[in-house]
PDB file of N, CA and C in Angstrom:
ATOM      1  N   MET A   1      96.426   8.661 -53.233  1.00  0.00           N
ATOM      2  CA  MET A   1      95.282   7.902 -53.632  1.00  0.00           C
ATOM      3  C   MET A   1      94.728   8.498 -54.932  1.00  0.00           C
ATOM      4  N   THR A   2      94.517   7.678 -55.934  1.00  0.00           N
ATOM      5  CA  THR A   2      94.036   8.133 -57.217  1.00  0.00           C
ATOM      6  C   THR A   2      92.511   8.152 -57.212  1.00  0.00           C
ATOM      7  N   LYS A   3      91.984   9.268 -57.630  1.00  0.00           N
ATOM      8  CA  LYS A   3      90.540   9.413 -57.680  1.00  0.00           C
ATOM      9  C   LYS A   3      90.047   8.870 -59.029  1.00  0.00           C
ATOM     10  N   THR A   4      89.079   7.976 -59.006  1.00  0.00           N
ATOM     11  CA  THR A   4      88.570   7.411 -60.263  1.00  0.00           C
ATOM     12  C   THR A   4      87.333   8.183 -60.712  1.00  0.00           C
ATOM     13  N   ASP A   5      87.214   8.278 -61.993  1.00  0.00           N
ATOM     14  CA  ASP A   5      86.066   8.934 -62.602  1.00  0.00           C
ATOM     15  C   ASP A   5      84.884   7.965 -62.551  1.00  0.00           C
ATOM     16  N   PRO A   6      83.780   8.324 -61.883  1.00  0.00           N
ATOM     17  CA  PRO A   6      82.637   7.408 -61.767  1.00  0.00           C
ATOM     18  C   PRO A   6      82.057   7.018 -63.136  1.00  0.00           C
ATOM     19  N   LEU A   7      82.088   7.939 -64.087  1.00  0.00           N
ATOM     20  CA  LEU A   7      81.567   7.621 -65.417  1.00  0.00           C
ATOM     21  C   LEU A   7      82.456   6.580 -66.092  1.00  0.00           C
ATOM     22  N   GLN A   8      83.753   6.761 -65.991  1.00  0.00           N
ATOM     23  CA  GLN A   8      84.702   5.807 -66.574  1.00  0.00           C
ATOM     24  C   GLN A   8      84.532   4.432 -65.934  1.00  0.00           C
ATOM     25  N   GLU A   9      84.370   4.434 -64.634  1.00  0.00           N
ATOM     26  CA  GLU A   9      84.195   3.179 -63.904  1.00  0.00           C
ATOM     27  C   GLU A   9      82.904   2.481 -64.349  1.00  0.00           C
ATOM     28  N   HIS A  10      81.857   3.229 -64.515  1.00  0.00           N
ATOM     29  CA  HIS A  10      80.563   2.672 -64.943  1.00  0.00           C
ATOM     30  C   HIS A  10      80.628   2.200 -66.390  1.00  0.00           C
ATOM     31  N   ALA A  11      81.407   2.874 -67.224  1.00  0.00           N
ATOM     32  CA  ALA A  11      81.514   2.532 -68.641  1.00  0.00           C
ATOM     33  C   ALA A  11      82.047   1.120 -68.839  1.00  0.00           C
ATOM     34  N   GLU A  12      82.849   0.656 -67.909  1.00  0.00           N
ATOM     35  CA  GLU A  12      83.401  -0.690 -68.022  1.00  0.00           C
ATOM     36  C   GLU A  12      82.319  -1.762 -67.971  1.00  0.00           C
ATOM     37  N   ASN A  13      81.207  -1.458 -67.329  1.00  0.00           N
ATOM     38  CA  ASN A  13      80.116  -2.418 -67.184  1.00  0.00           C
ATOM     39  C   ASN A  13      78.893  -2.041 -68.034  1.00  0.00           C
ATOM     40  N   PHE A  14      79.076  -1.118 -68.963  1.00  0.00           N
ATOM     41  CA  PHE A  14      77.959  -0.628 -69.773  1.00  0.00           C
ATOM     42  C   PHE A  14      77.399  -1.731 -70.659  1.00  0.00           C
ATOM     43  N   ASP A  15      76.097  -1.850 -70.670  1.00  0.00           N
ATOM     44  CA  ASP A  15      75.401  -2.842 -71.491  1.00  0.00           C
ATOM     45  C   ASP A  15      75.124  -2.210 -72.857  1.00  0.00           C
ATOM     46  N   GLU A  16      75.775  -2.681 -73.903  1.00  0.00           N
ATOM     47  CA  GLU A  16      75.633  -2.126 -75.258  1.00  0.00           C
ATOM     48  C   GLU A  16      74.201  -2.235 -75.780  1.00  0.00           C
ATOM     49  N   GLN A  17      73.404  -3.128 -75.234  1.00  0.00           N
ATOM     50  CA  GLN A  17      72.009  -3.247 -75.674  1.00  0.00           C
ATOM     51  C   GLN A  17      71.239  -1.965 -75.373  1.00  0.00           C
ATOM     52  N   ILE A  18      71.653  -1.259 -74.345  1.00  0.00           N
ATOM     53  CA  ILE A  18      71.007   0.024 -74.028  1.00  0.00           C
ATOM     54  C   ILE A  18      71.200   0.980 -75.192  1.00  0.00           C
ATOM     55  N   ARG A  19      72.413   1.078 -75.711  1.00  0.00           N
ATOM     56  CA  ARG A  19      72.693   1.973 -76.832  1.00  0.00           C
ATOM     57  C   ARG A  19      71.923   1.536 -78.083  1.00  0.00           C
ATOM     58  N   GLN A  20      71.767   0.247 -78.288  1.00  0.00           N
ATOM     59  CA  GLN A  20      71.046  -0.271 -79.454  1.00  0.00           C
ATOM     60  C   GLN A  20      69.569   0.092 -79.415  1.00  0.00           C
ATOM     61  N   ARG A  21      69.038   0.315 -78.226  1.00  0.00           N
ATOM     62  CA  ARG A  21      67.627   0.698 -78.070  1.00  0.00           C
ATOM     63  C   ARG A  21      67.407   2.202 -78.270  1.00  0.00           C
ATOM     64  N   LEU A  22      68.484   2.946 -78.339  1.00  0.00           N
ATOM     65  CA  LEU A  22      68.415   4.399 -78.464  1.00  0.00           C
ATOM     66  C   LEU A  22      67.800   4.792 -79.806  1.00  0.00           C
ATOM     67  N   LEU A  23      66.822   5.649 -79.779  1.00  0.00           N
ATOM     68  CA  LEU A  23      66.176   6.145 -80.991  1.00  0.00           C
ATOM     69  C   LEU A  23      67.190   6.946 -81.806  1.00  0.00           C
ATOM     70  N   ASP A  24      67.201   6.737 -83.124  1.00  0.00           N
ATOM     71  CA  ASP A  24      68.164   7.465 -83.950  1.00  0.00           C
ATOM     72  C   ASP A  24      67.835   8.956 -83.956  1.00  0.00           C
ATOM     73  N   ALA A  25      68.839   9.765 -84.223  1.00  0.00           N
ATOM     74  CA  ALA A  25      68.715  11.227 -84.135  1.00  0.00           C
ATOM     75  C   ALA A  25      67.654  11.775 -85.090  1.00  0.00           C
ATOM     76  N   ARG A  26      67.565  11.220 -86.291  1.00  0.00           N
ATOM     77  CA  ARG A  26      66.586  11.703 -87.277  1.00  0.00           C
ATOM     78  C   ARG A  26      65.159  11.475 -86.785  1.00  0.00           C
ATOM     79  N   SER A  27      64.873  10.273 -86.296  1.00  0.00           N
ATOM     80  CA  SER A  27      63.536   9.965 -85.774  1.00  0.00           C
ATOM     81  C   SER A  27      63.207  10.829 -84.563  1.00  0.00           C
ATOM     82  N   ALA A  28      64.200  11.001 -83.691  1.00  0.00           N
ATOM     83  CA  ALA A  28      63.991  11.838 -82.505  1.00  0.00           C
ATOM     84  C   ALA A  28      63.659  13.271 -82.907  1.00  0.00           C
ATOM     85  N   GLY A  29      64.332  13.770 -83.939  1.00  0.00           N
ATOM     86  CA  GLY A  29      64.060  15.124 -84.430  1.00  0.00           C
ATOM     87  C   GLY A  29      62.654  15.252 -84.997  1.00  0.00           C
ATOM     88  N   GLN A  30      62.221  14.250 -85.753  1.00  0.00           N
ATOM     89  CA  GLN A  30      60.865  14.278 -86.322  1.00  0.00           C
ATOM     90  C   GLN A  30      59.807  14.260 -85.223  1.00  0.00           C
ATOM     91  N   ILE A  31      60.003  13.436 -84.224  1.00  0.00           N
ATOM     92  CA  ILE A  31      59.051  13.364 -83.114  1.00  0.00           C
ATOM     93  C   ILE A  31      59.036  14.683 -82.356  1.00  0.00           C
ATOM     94  N   ALA A  32      60.205  15.259 -82.120  1.00  0.00           N
ATOM     95  CA  ALA A  32      60.279  16.541 -81.409  1.00  0.00           C
ATOM     96  C   ALA A  32      59.534  17.634 -82.179  1.00  0.00           C
ATOM     97  N   GLU A  33      59.678  17.651 -83.502  1.00  0.00           N
ATOM     98  CA  GLU A  33      58.962  18.642 -84.318  1.00  0.00           C
ATOM     99  C   GLU A  33      57.459  18.451 -84.215  1.00  0.00           C
ATOM    100  N   MET A  34      57.008  17.204 -84.240  1.00  0.00           N
ATOM    101  CA  MET A  34      55.583  16.931 -84.119  1.00  0.00           C
ATOM    102  C   MET A  34      55.061  17.378 -82.751  1.00  0.00           C
ATOM    103  N   LEU A  35      55.825  17.084 -81.713  1.00  0.00           N
ATOM    104  CA  LEU A  35      55.401  17.495 -80.373  1.00  0.00           C
ATOM    105  C   LEU A  35      55.395  19.015 -80.236  1.00  0.00           C
ATOM    106  N   LYS A  36      56.350  19.691 -80.890  1.00  0.00           N
ATOM    107  CA  LYS A  36      56.333  21.161 -80.873  1.00  0.00           C
ATOM    108  C   LYS A  36      55.066  21.693 -81.525  1.00  0.00           C
ATOM    109  N   ALA A  37      54.646  21.044 -82.610  1.00  0.00           N
ATOM    110  CA  ALA A  37      53.425  21.468 -83.301  1.00  0.00           C
ATOM    111  C   ALA A  37      52.205  21.299 -82.406  1.00  0.00           C
ATOM    112  N   LEU A  38      52.249  20.329 -81.517  1.00  0.00           N
ATOM    113  CA  LEU A  38      51.128  20.079 -80.610  1.00  0.00           C
ATOM    114  C   LEU A  38      51.207  20.913 -79.332  1.00  0.00           C
ATOM    115  N   ALA A  39      52.313  21.611 -79.138  1.00  0.00           N
ATOM    116  CA  ALA A  39      52.542  22.351 -77.897  1.00  0.00           C
ATOM    117  C   ALA A  39      51.952  23.756 -77.950  1.00  0.00           C
ATOM    118  N   ASP A  40      50.744  23.866 -78.429  1.00  0.00           N
ATOM    119  CA  ASP A  40      50.061  25.154 -78.514  1.00  0.00           C
ATOM    120  C   ASP A  40      48.597  24.916 -78.166  1.00  0.00           C
ATOM    121  N   PRO A  41      48.041  25.640 -77.199  1.00  0.00           N
ATOM    122  CA  PRO A  41      46.660  25.401 -76.783  1.00  0.00           C
ATOM    123  C   PRO A  41      45.634  25.530 -77.918  1.00  0.00           C
ATOM    124  N   THR A  42      45.828  26.464 -78.819  1.00  0.00           N
ATOM    125  CA  THR A  42      44.883  26.611 -79.928  1.00  0.00           C
ATOM    126  C   THR A  42      44.910  25.381 -80.821  1.00  0.00           C
ATOM    127  N   ARG A  43      46.101  24.889 -81.121  1.00  0.00           N
ATOM    128  CA  ARG A  43      46.200  23.703 -81.974  1.00  0.00           C
ATOM    129  C   ARG A  43      45.625  22.476 -81.278  1.00  0.00           C
ATOM    130  N   VAL A  44      45.799  22.378 -79.978  1.00  0.00           N
ATOM    131  CA  VAL A  44      45.199  21.270 -79.227  1.00  0.00           C
ATOM    132  C   VAL A  44      43.681  21.371 -79.288  1.00  0.00           C
ATOM    133  N   ARG A  45      43.139  22.569 -79.182  1.00  0.00           N
ATOM    134  CA  ARG A  45      41.686  22.753 -79.276  1.00  0.00           C
ATOM    135  C   ARG A  45      41.178  22.385 -80.671  1.00  0.00           C
ATOM    136  N   ILE A  46      41.956  22.711 -81.692  1.00  0.00           N
ATOM    137  CA  ILE A  46      41.589  22.319 -83.054  1.00  0.00           C
ATOM    138  C   ILE A  46      41.544  20.794 -83.149  1.00  0.00           C
ATOM    139  N   LEU A  47      42.559  20.130 -82.609  1.00  0.00           N
ATOM    140  CA  LEU A  47      42.567  18.666 -82.620  1.00  0.00           C
ATOM    141  C   LEU A  47      41.343  18.111 -81.906  1.00  0.00           C
ATOM    142  N   GLY A  48      40.977  18.743 -80.799  1.00  0.00           N
ATOM    143  CA  GLY A  48      39.788  18.303 -80.067  1.00  0.00           C
ATOM    144  C   GLY A  48      38.541  18.334 -80.938  1.00  0.00           C
ATOM    145  N   LEU A  49      38.378  19.410 -81.689  1.00  0.00           N
ATOM    146  CA  LEU A  49      37.219  19.498 -82.596  1.00  0.00           C
ATOM    147  C   LEU A  49      37.301  18.450 -83.696  1.00  0.00           C
ATOM    148  N   LEU A  50      38.486  18.293 -84.266  1.00  0.00           N
ATOM    149  CA  LEU A  50      38.657  17.354 -85.380  1.00  0.00           C
ATOM    150  C   LEU A  50      38.610  15.895 -84.927  1.00  0.00           C
ATOM    151  N   SER A  51      38.740  15.654 -83.630  1.00  0.00           N
ATOM    152  CA  SER A  51      38.687  14.276 -83.137  1.00  0.00           C
ATOM    153  C   SER A  51      37.282  13.700 -83.252  1.00  0.00           C
ATOM    154  N   HIS A  52      36.294  14.574 -83.467  1.00  0.00           N
ATOM    155  CA  HIS A  52      34.905  14.118 -83.591  1.00  0.00           C
ATOM    156  C   HIS A  52      34.490  13.914 -85.044  1.00  0.00           C
ATOM    157  N   GLU A  53      34.907  14.852 -85.894  1.00  0.00           N
ATOM    158  CA  GLU A  53      34.533  14.793 -87.310  1.00  0.00           C
ATOM    159  C   GLU A  53      35.322  15.847 -88.076  1.00  0.00           C
ATOM    160  N   PRO A  54      35.415  15.704 -89.401  1.00  0.00           N
ATOM    161  CA  PRO A  54      36.054  16.764 -90.196  1.00  0.00           C
ATOM    162  C   PRO A  54      35.268  18.073 -90.046  1.00  0.00           C
ATOM    163  N   VAL A  55      35.992  19.186 -90.044  1.00  0.00           N
ATOM    164  CA  VAL A  55      35.372  20.500 -89.856  1.00  0.00           C
ATOM    165  C   VAL A  55      35.964  21.457 -90.895  1.00  0.00           C
ATOM    166  N   CYS A  56      35.105  22.291 -91.474  1.00  0.00           N
ATOM    167  CA  CYS A  56      35.593  23.264 -92.453  1.00  0.00           C
ATOM    168  C   CYS A  56      36.261  24.433 -91.728  1.00  0.00           C
ATOM    169  N   VAL A  57      37.117  25.123 -92.443  1.00  0.00           N
ATOM    170  CA  VAL A  57      37.899  26.227 -91.875  1.00  0.00           C
ATOM    171  C   VAL A  57      36.995  27.283 -91.256  1.00  0.00           C
ATOM    172  N   MET A  58      35.922  27.653 -91.956  1.00  0.00           N
ATOM    173  CA  MET A  58      35.036  28.699 -91.442  1.00  0.00           C
ATOM    174  C   MET A  58      34.395  28.289 -90.116  1.00  0.00           C
ATOM    175  N   ASN A  59      34.017  27.020 -89.985  1.00  0.00           N
ATOM    176  CA  ASN A  59      33.450  26.563 -88.714  1.00  0.00           C
ATOM    177  C   ASN A  59      34.490  26.551 -87.608  1.00  0.00           C
ATOM    178  N   LEU A  60      35.736  26.253 -87.962  1.00  0.00           N
ATOM    179  CA  LEU A  60      36.802  26.344 -86.963  1.00  0.00           C
ATOM    180  C   LEU A  60      36.965  27.790 -86.492  1.00  0.00           C
ATOM    181  N   CYS A  61      36.907  28.727 -87.431  1.00  0.00           N
ATOM    182  CA  CYS A  61      37.014  30.156 -87.090  1.00  0.00           C
ATOM    183  C   CYS A  61      35.902  30.558 -86.133  1.00  0.00           C
ATOM    184  N   LEU A  62      34.680  30.146 -86.447  1.00  0.00           N
ATOM    185  CA  LEU A  62      33.531  30.508 -85.612  1.00  0.00           C
ATOM    186  C   LEU A  62      33.613  29.845 -84.241  1.00  0.00           C
ATOM    187  N   ALA A  63      33.964  28.567 -84.205  1.00  0.00           N
ATOM    188  CA  ALA A  63      34.028  27.843 -82.931  1.00  0.00           C
ATOM    189  C   ALA A  63      35.098  28.420 -82.018  1.00  0.00           C
ATOM    190  N   LEU A  64      36.244  28.766 -82.582  1.00  0.00           N
ATOM    191  CA  LEU A  64      37.367  29.267 -81.789  1.00  0.00           C
ATOM    192  C   LEU A  64      37.375  30.791 -81.656  1.00  0.00           C
ATOM    193  N   GLU A  65      36.434  31.437 -82.355  1.00  0.00           N
ATOM    194  CA  GLU A  65      36.342  32.896 -82.338  1.00  0.00           C
ATOM    195  C   GLU A  65      37.674  33.537 -82.721  1.00  0.00           C
ATOM    196  N   MET A  66      38.207  33.037 -83.847  1.00  0.00           N
ATOM    197  CA  MET A  66      39.482  33.545 -84.357  1.00  0.00           C
ATOM    198  C   MET A  66      39.333  33.863 -85.829  1.00  0.00           C
ATOM    199  N   SER A  67      40.225  34.705 -86.329  1.00  0.00           N
ATOM    200  CA  SER A  67      40.180  35.076 -87.738  1.00  0.00           C
ATOM    201  C   SER A  67      40.625  33.906 -88.622  1.00  0.00           C
ATOM    202  N   GLN A  68      40.231  33.972 -89.883  1.00  0.00           N
ATOM    203  CA  GLN A  68      40.608  32.932 -90.838  1.00  0.00           C
ATOM    204  C   GLN A  68      42.131  32.860 -91.016  1.00  0.00           C
ATOM    205  N   PRO A  69      42.841  33.995 -91.126  1.00  0.00           N
ATOM    206  CA  PRO A  69      44.308  33.906 -91.236  1.00  0.00           C
ATOM    207  C   PRO A  69      44.957  33.244 -90.011  1.00  0.00           C
ATOM    208  N   ALA A  70      44.433  33.531 -88.819  1.00  0.00           N
ATOM    209  CA  ALA A  70      45.004  32.932 -87.603  1.00  0.00           C
ATOM    210  C   ALA A  70      44.782  31.422 -87.590  1.00  0.00           C
ATOM    211  N   ILE A  71      43.569  30.986 -87.930  1.00  0.00           N
ATOM    212  CA  ILE A  71      43.265  29.551 -87.979  1.00  0.00           C
ATOM    213  C   ILE A  71      44.110  28.887 -89.060  1.00  0.00           C
ATOM    214  N   SER A  72      44.223  29.529 -90.216  1.00  0.00           N
ATOM    215  CA  SER A  72      45.016  28.964 -91.314  1.00  0.00           C
ATOM    216  C   SER A  72      46.479  28.785 -90.915  1.00  0.00           C
ATOM    217  N   HIS A  73      47.006  29.704 -90.138  1.00  0.00           N
ATOM    218  CA  HIS A  73      48.378  29.596 -89.650  1.00  0.00           C
ATOM    219  C   HIS A  73      48.545  28.316 -88.822  1.00  0.00           C
ATOM    220  N   HIS A  74      47.636  28.086 -87.901  1.00  0.00           N
ATOM    221  CA  HIS A  74      47.699  26.893 -87.057  1.00  0.00           C
ATOM    222  C   HIS A  74      47.518  25.627 -87.882  1.00  0.00           C
ATOM    223  N   LEU A  75      46.584  25.652 -88.808  1.00  0.00           N
ATOM    224  CA  LEU A  75      46.336  24.482 -89.649  1.00  0.00           C
ATOM    225  C   LEU A  75      47.536  24.167 -90.530  1.00  0.00           C
ATOM    226  N   ARG A  76      48.219  25.188 -90.999  1.00  0.00           N
ATOM    227  CA  ARG A  76      49.410  24.991 -91.833  1.00  0.00           C
ATOM    228  C   ARG A  76      50.493  24.234 -91.045  1.00  0.00           C
ATOM    229  N   ILE A  77      50.670  24.602 -89.798  1.00  0.00           N
ATOM    230  CA  ILE A  77      51.656  23.920 -88.950  1.00  0.00           C
ATOM    231  C   ILE A  77      51.243  22.462 -88.731  1.00  0.00           C
ATOM    232  N   LEU A  78      49.973  22.242 -88.448  1.00  0.00           N
ATOM    233  CA  LEU A  78      49.487  20.881 -88.243  1.00  0.00           C
ATOM    234  C   LEU A  78      49.608  20.048 -89.522  1.00  0.00           C
ATOM    235  N   ARG A  79      49.296  20.647 -90.636  1.00  0.00           N
ATOM    236  CA  ARG A  79      49.375  19.947 -91.927  1.00  0.00           C
ATOM    237  C   ARG A  79      50.835  19.620 -92.264  1.00  0.00           C
ATOM    238  N   HIS A  80      51.731  20.575 -92.045  1.00  0.00           N
ATOM    239  CA  HIS A  80      53.158  20.376 -92.318  1.00  0.00           C
ATOM    240  C   HIS A  80      53.715  19.190 -91.528  1.00  0.00           C
ATOM    241  N   ASN A  81      53.187  18.977 -90.335  1.00  0.00           N
ATOM    242  CA  ASN A  81      53.643  17.889 -89.482  1.00  0.00           C
ATOM    243  C   ASN A  81      52.799  16.623 -89.639  1.00  0.00           C
ATOM    244  N   ARG A  82      51.981  16.588 -90.662  1.00  0.00           N
ATOM    245  CA  ARG A  82      51.142  15.429 -90.993  1.00  0.00           C
ATOM    246  C   ARG A  82      50.229  15.017 -89.847  1.00  0.00           C
ATOM    247  N   ILE A  83      49.717  16.011 -89.137  1.00  0.00           N
ATOM    248  CA  ILE A  83      48.807  15.769 -88.029  1.00  0.00           C
ATOM    249  C   ILE A  83      47.363  15.867 -88.513  1.00  0.00           C
ATOM    250  N   VAL A  84      47.137  16.729 -89.512  1.00  0.00           N
ATOM    251  CA  VAL A  84      45.813  16.859 -90.120  1.00  0.00           C
ATOM    252  C   VAL A  84      45.933  16.686 -91.628  1.00  0.00           C
ATOM    253  N   GLN A  85      44.792  16.410 -92.242  1.00  0.00           N
ATOM    254  CA  GLN A  85      44.722  16.322 -93.702  1.00  0.00           C
ATOM    255  C   GLN A  85      43.524  17.130 -94.181  1.00  0.00           C
ATOM    256  N   THR A  86      43.505  17.446 -95.459  1.00  0.00           N
ATOM    257  CA  THR A  86      42.442  18.276 -96.018  1.00  0.00           C
ATOM    258  C   THR A  86      41.630  17.524 -97.057  1.00  0.00           C
ATOM    259  N   ARG A  87      40.409  18.026 -97.219  1.00  0.00           N
ATOM    260  CA  ARG A  87      39.524  17.551 -98.270  1.00  0.00           C
ATOM    261  C   ARG A  87      38.725  18.759 -98.740  1.00  0.00           C
ATOM    262  N   LYS A  88      38.684  18.982-100.027  1.00  0.00           N
ATOM    263  CA  LYS A  88      37.976  20.138-100.561  1.00  0.00           C
ATOM    264  C   LYS A  88      36.617  19.705-101.102  1.00  0.00           C
ATOM    265  N   GLU A  89      35.593  20.452-100.727  1.00  0.00           N
ATOM    266  CA  GLU A  89      34.237  20.243-101.232  1.00  0.00           C
ATOM    267  C   GLU A  89      33.722  21.596-101.708  1.00  0.00           C
ATOM    268  N   GLY A  90      33.736  21.806-102.996  1.00  0.00           N
ATOM    269  CA  GLY A  90      33.333  23.096-103.544  1.00  0.00           C
ATOM    270  C   GLY A  90      34.281  24.181-103.065  1.00  0.00           C
ATOM    271  N   LYS A  91      33.712  25.198-102.432  1.00  0.00           N
ATOM    272  CA  LYS A  91      34.527  26.305-101.921  1.00  0.00           C
ATOM    273  C   LYS A  91      35.074  26.035-100.522  1.00  0.00           C
ATOM    274  N   HIS A  92      34.619  24.968 -99.901  1.00  0.00           N
ATOM    275  CA  HIS A  92      34.998  24.701 -98.511  1.00  0.00           C
ATOM    276  C   HIS A  92      36.134  23.696 -98.415  1.00  0.00           C
ATOM    277  N   VAL A  93      37.066  23.976 -97.508  1.00  0.00           N
ATOM    278  CA  VAL A  93      38.155  23.045 -97.209  1.00  0.00           C
ATOM    279  C   VAL A  93      37.869  22.464 -95.828  1.00  0.00           C
ATOM    280  N   PHE A  94      37.773  21.140 -95.790  1.00  0.00           N
ATOM    281  CA  PHE A  94      37.527  20.438 -94.538  1.00  0.00           C
ATOM    282  C   PHE A  94      38.833  19.845 -94.025  1.00  0.00           C
ATOM    283  N   TYR A  95      39.027  19.948 -92.726  1.00  0.00           N
ATOM    284  CA  TYR A  95      40.205  19.373 -92.082  1.00  0.00           C
ATOM    285  C   TYR A  95      39.761  18.203 -91.214  1.00  0.00           C
ATOM    286  N   ALA A  96      40.618  17.192 -91.165  1.00  0.00           N
ATOM    287  CA  ALA A  96      40.385  16.012 -90.336  1.00  0.00           C
ATOM    288  C   ALA A  96      41.720  15.574 -89.771  1.00  0.00           C
ATOM    289  N   LEU A  97      41.674  14.784 -88.712  1.00  0.00           N
ATOM    290  CA  LEU A  97      42.910  14.210 -88.194  1.00  0.00           C
ATOM    291  C   LEU A  97      43.499  13.308 -89.266  1.00  0.00           C
ATOM    292  N   ALA A  98      44.814  13.266 -89.355  1.00  0.00           N
ATOM    293  CA  ALA A  98      45.494  12.569 -90.447  1.00  0.00           C
ATOM    294  C   ALA A  98      45.216  11.073 -90.460  1.00  0.00           C
ATOM    295  N   ASP A  99      45.165  10.456 -89.283  1.00  0.00           N
ATOM    296  CA  ASP A  99      44.926   9.015 -89.248  1.00  0.00           C
ATOM    297  C   ASP A  99      44.572   8.585 -87.827  1.00  0.00           C
ATOM    298  N   GLU A 100      44.367   7.301 -87.677  1.00  0.00           N
ATOM    299  CA  GLU A 100      43.976   6.754 -86.368  1.00  0.00           C
ATOM    300  C   GLU A 100      45.077   6.931 -85.317  1.00  0.00           C
ATOM    301  N   HIS A 101      46.340   6.980 -85.745  1.00  0.00           N
ATOM    302  CA  HIS A 101      47.426   7.194 -84.783  1.00  0.00           C
ATOM    303  C   HIS A 101      47.271   8.539 -84.078  1.00  0.00           C
ATOM    304  N   ILE A 102      46.930   9.555 -84.846  1.00  0.00           N
ATOM    305  CA  ILE A 102      46.749  10.898 -84.271  1.00  0.00           C
ATOM    306  C   ILE A 102      45.531  10.909 -83.363  1.00  0.00           C
ATOM    307  N   GLN A 103      44.462  10.253 -83.789  1.00  0.00           N
ATOM    308  CA  GLN A 103      43.250  10.151 -82.969  1.00  0.00           C
ATOM    309  C   GLN A 103      43.583   9.492 -81.627  1.00  0.00           C
ATOM    310  N   THR A 104      44.302   8.390 -81.674  1.00  0.00           N
ATOM    311  CA  THR A 104      44.679   7.664 -80.457  1.00  0.00           C
ATOM    312  C   THR A 104      45.595   8.510 -79.586  1.00  0.00           C
ATOM    313  N   LEU A 105      46.577   9.157 -80.198  1.00  0.00           N
ATOM    314  CA  LEU A 105      47.492  10.023 -79.455  1.00  0.00           C
ATOM    315  C   LEU A 105      46.726  11.125 -78.729  1.00  0.00           C
ATOM    316  N   TYR A 106      45.795  11.777 -79.440  1.00  0.00           N
ATOM    317  CA  TYR A 106      45.013  12.848 -78.826  1.00  0.00           C
ATOM    318  C   TYR A 106      44.208  12.310 -77.639  1.00  0.00           C
ATOM    319  N   ARG A 107      43.516  11.194 -77.842  1.00  0.00           N
ATOM    320  CA  ARG A 107      42.690  10.619 -76.773  1.00  0.00           C
ATOM    321  C   ARG A 107      43.541  10.258 -75.555  1.00  0.00           C
ATOM    322  N   GLN A 108      44.689   9.653 -75.795  1.00  0.00           N
ATOM    323  CA  GLN A 108      45.541   9.236 -74.671  1.00  0.00           C
ATOM    324  C   GLN A 108      46.104  10.427 -73.913  1.00  0.00           C
ATOM    325  N   ILE A 109      46.511  11.463 -74.630  1.00  0.00           N
ATOM    326  CA  ILE A 109      47.016  12.670 -73.958  1.00  0.00           C
ATOM    327  C   ILE A 109      45.904  13.333 -73.167  1.00  0.00           C
ATOM    328  N   LEU A 110      44.699  13.383 -73.741  1.00  0.00           N
ATOM    329  CA  LEU A 110      43.567  13.969 -73.033  1.00  0.00           C
ATOM    330  C   LEU A 110      43.262  13.185 -71.750  1.00  0.00           C
ATOM    331  N   GLU A 111      43.199  11.871 -71.863  1.00  0.00           N
ATOM    332  CA  GLU A 111      42.943  11.029 -70.680  1.00  0.00           C
ATOM    333  C   GLU A 111      44.033  11.210 -69.641  1.00  0.00           C
ATOM    334  N   HIS A 112      45.278  11.250 -70.081  1.00  0.00           N
ATOM    335  CA  HIS A 112      46.389  11.426 -69.157  1.00  0.00           C
ATOM    336  C   HIS A 112      46.305  12.771 -68.431  1.00  0.00           C
ATOM    337  N   SER A 113      45.932  13.809 -69.169  1.00  0.00           N
ATOM    338  CA  SER A 113      45.847  15.151 -68.566  1.00  0.00           C
ATOM    339  C   SER A 113      44.703  15.252 -67.564  1.00  0.00           C
ATOM    340  N   GLN A 114      43.697  14.426 -67.722  1.00  0.00           N
ATOM    341  CA  GLN A 114      42.529  14.468 -66.822  1.00  0.00           C
ATOM    342  C   GLN A 114      42.666  13.496 -65.663  1.00  0.00           C
ATOM    343  N   HIS A 115      43.660  12.634 -65.733  1.00  0.00           N
ATOM    344  CA  HIS A 115      43.875  11.631 -64.695  1.00  0.00           C
ATOM    345  C   HIS A 115      44.655  12.261 -63.551  1.00  0.00           C
ATOM    346  N   SER A 116      44.083  12.196 -62.367  1.00  0.00           N
ATOM    347  CA  SER A 116      44.770  12.824 -61.207  1.00  0.00           C
ATOM    348  C   SER A 116      45.455  11.794 -60.352  1.00  0.00           C
TER     349      SER A 116
END
C-alpha cells in the first residue's frame, strides 16, 4: 500500500486565490519592523502621551523619569519607523504621532488590551 503525502494530496485542490491574497514579502517586512518598534513598554508609554497632544522631549523625560539620551533613543526608533514626527519651536523639539493611522492603531491596541 502506497502512503500518500497529505500536503501533496491537498495541493491538488489548492485555491490559487489564497496565494494571491498573501502579503508580499517587502510589505510584511516593513510591518514587522514597525511592530518591533512598538514592542517596547517605554515606547508604548510615549505613544500614550503623544496620543493626546505633541510633547517636547524634556517633558517626556520628566513624565517618564528617564534621561534625555534614553528618551532620544526611543524617539529615534519611533521616528525611523515613521510612527512619530517632529516639530521644532525655538530650542524645543516637539514630538507628535505621525498621522491618524498611528492614532487609530494605538487606540485600537489599547482597547483590545483592556477588553477581557
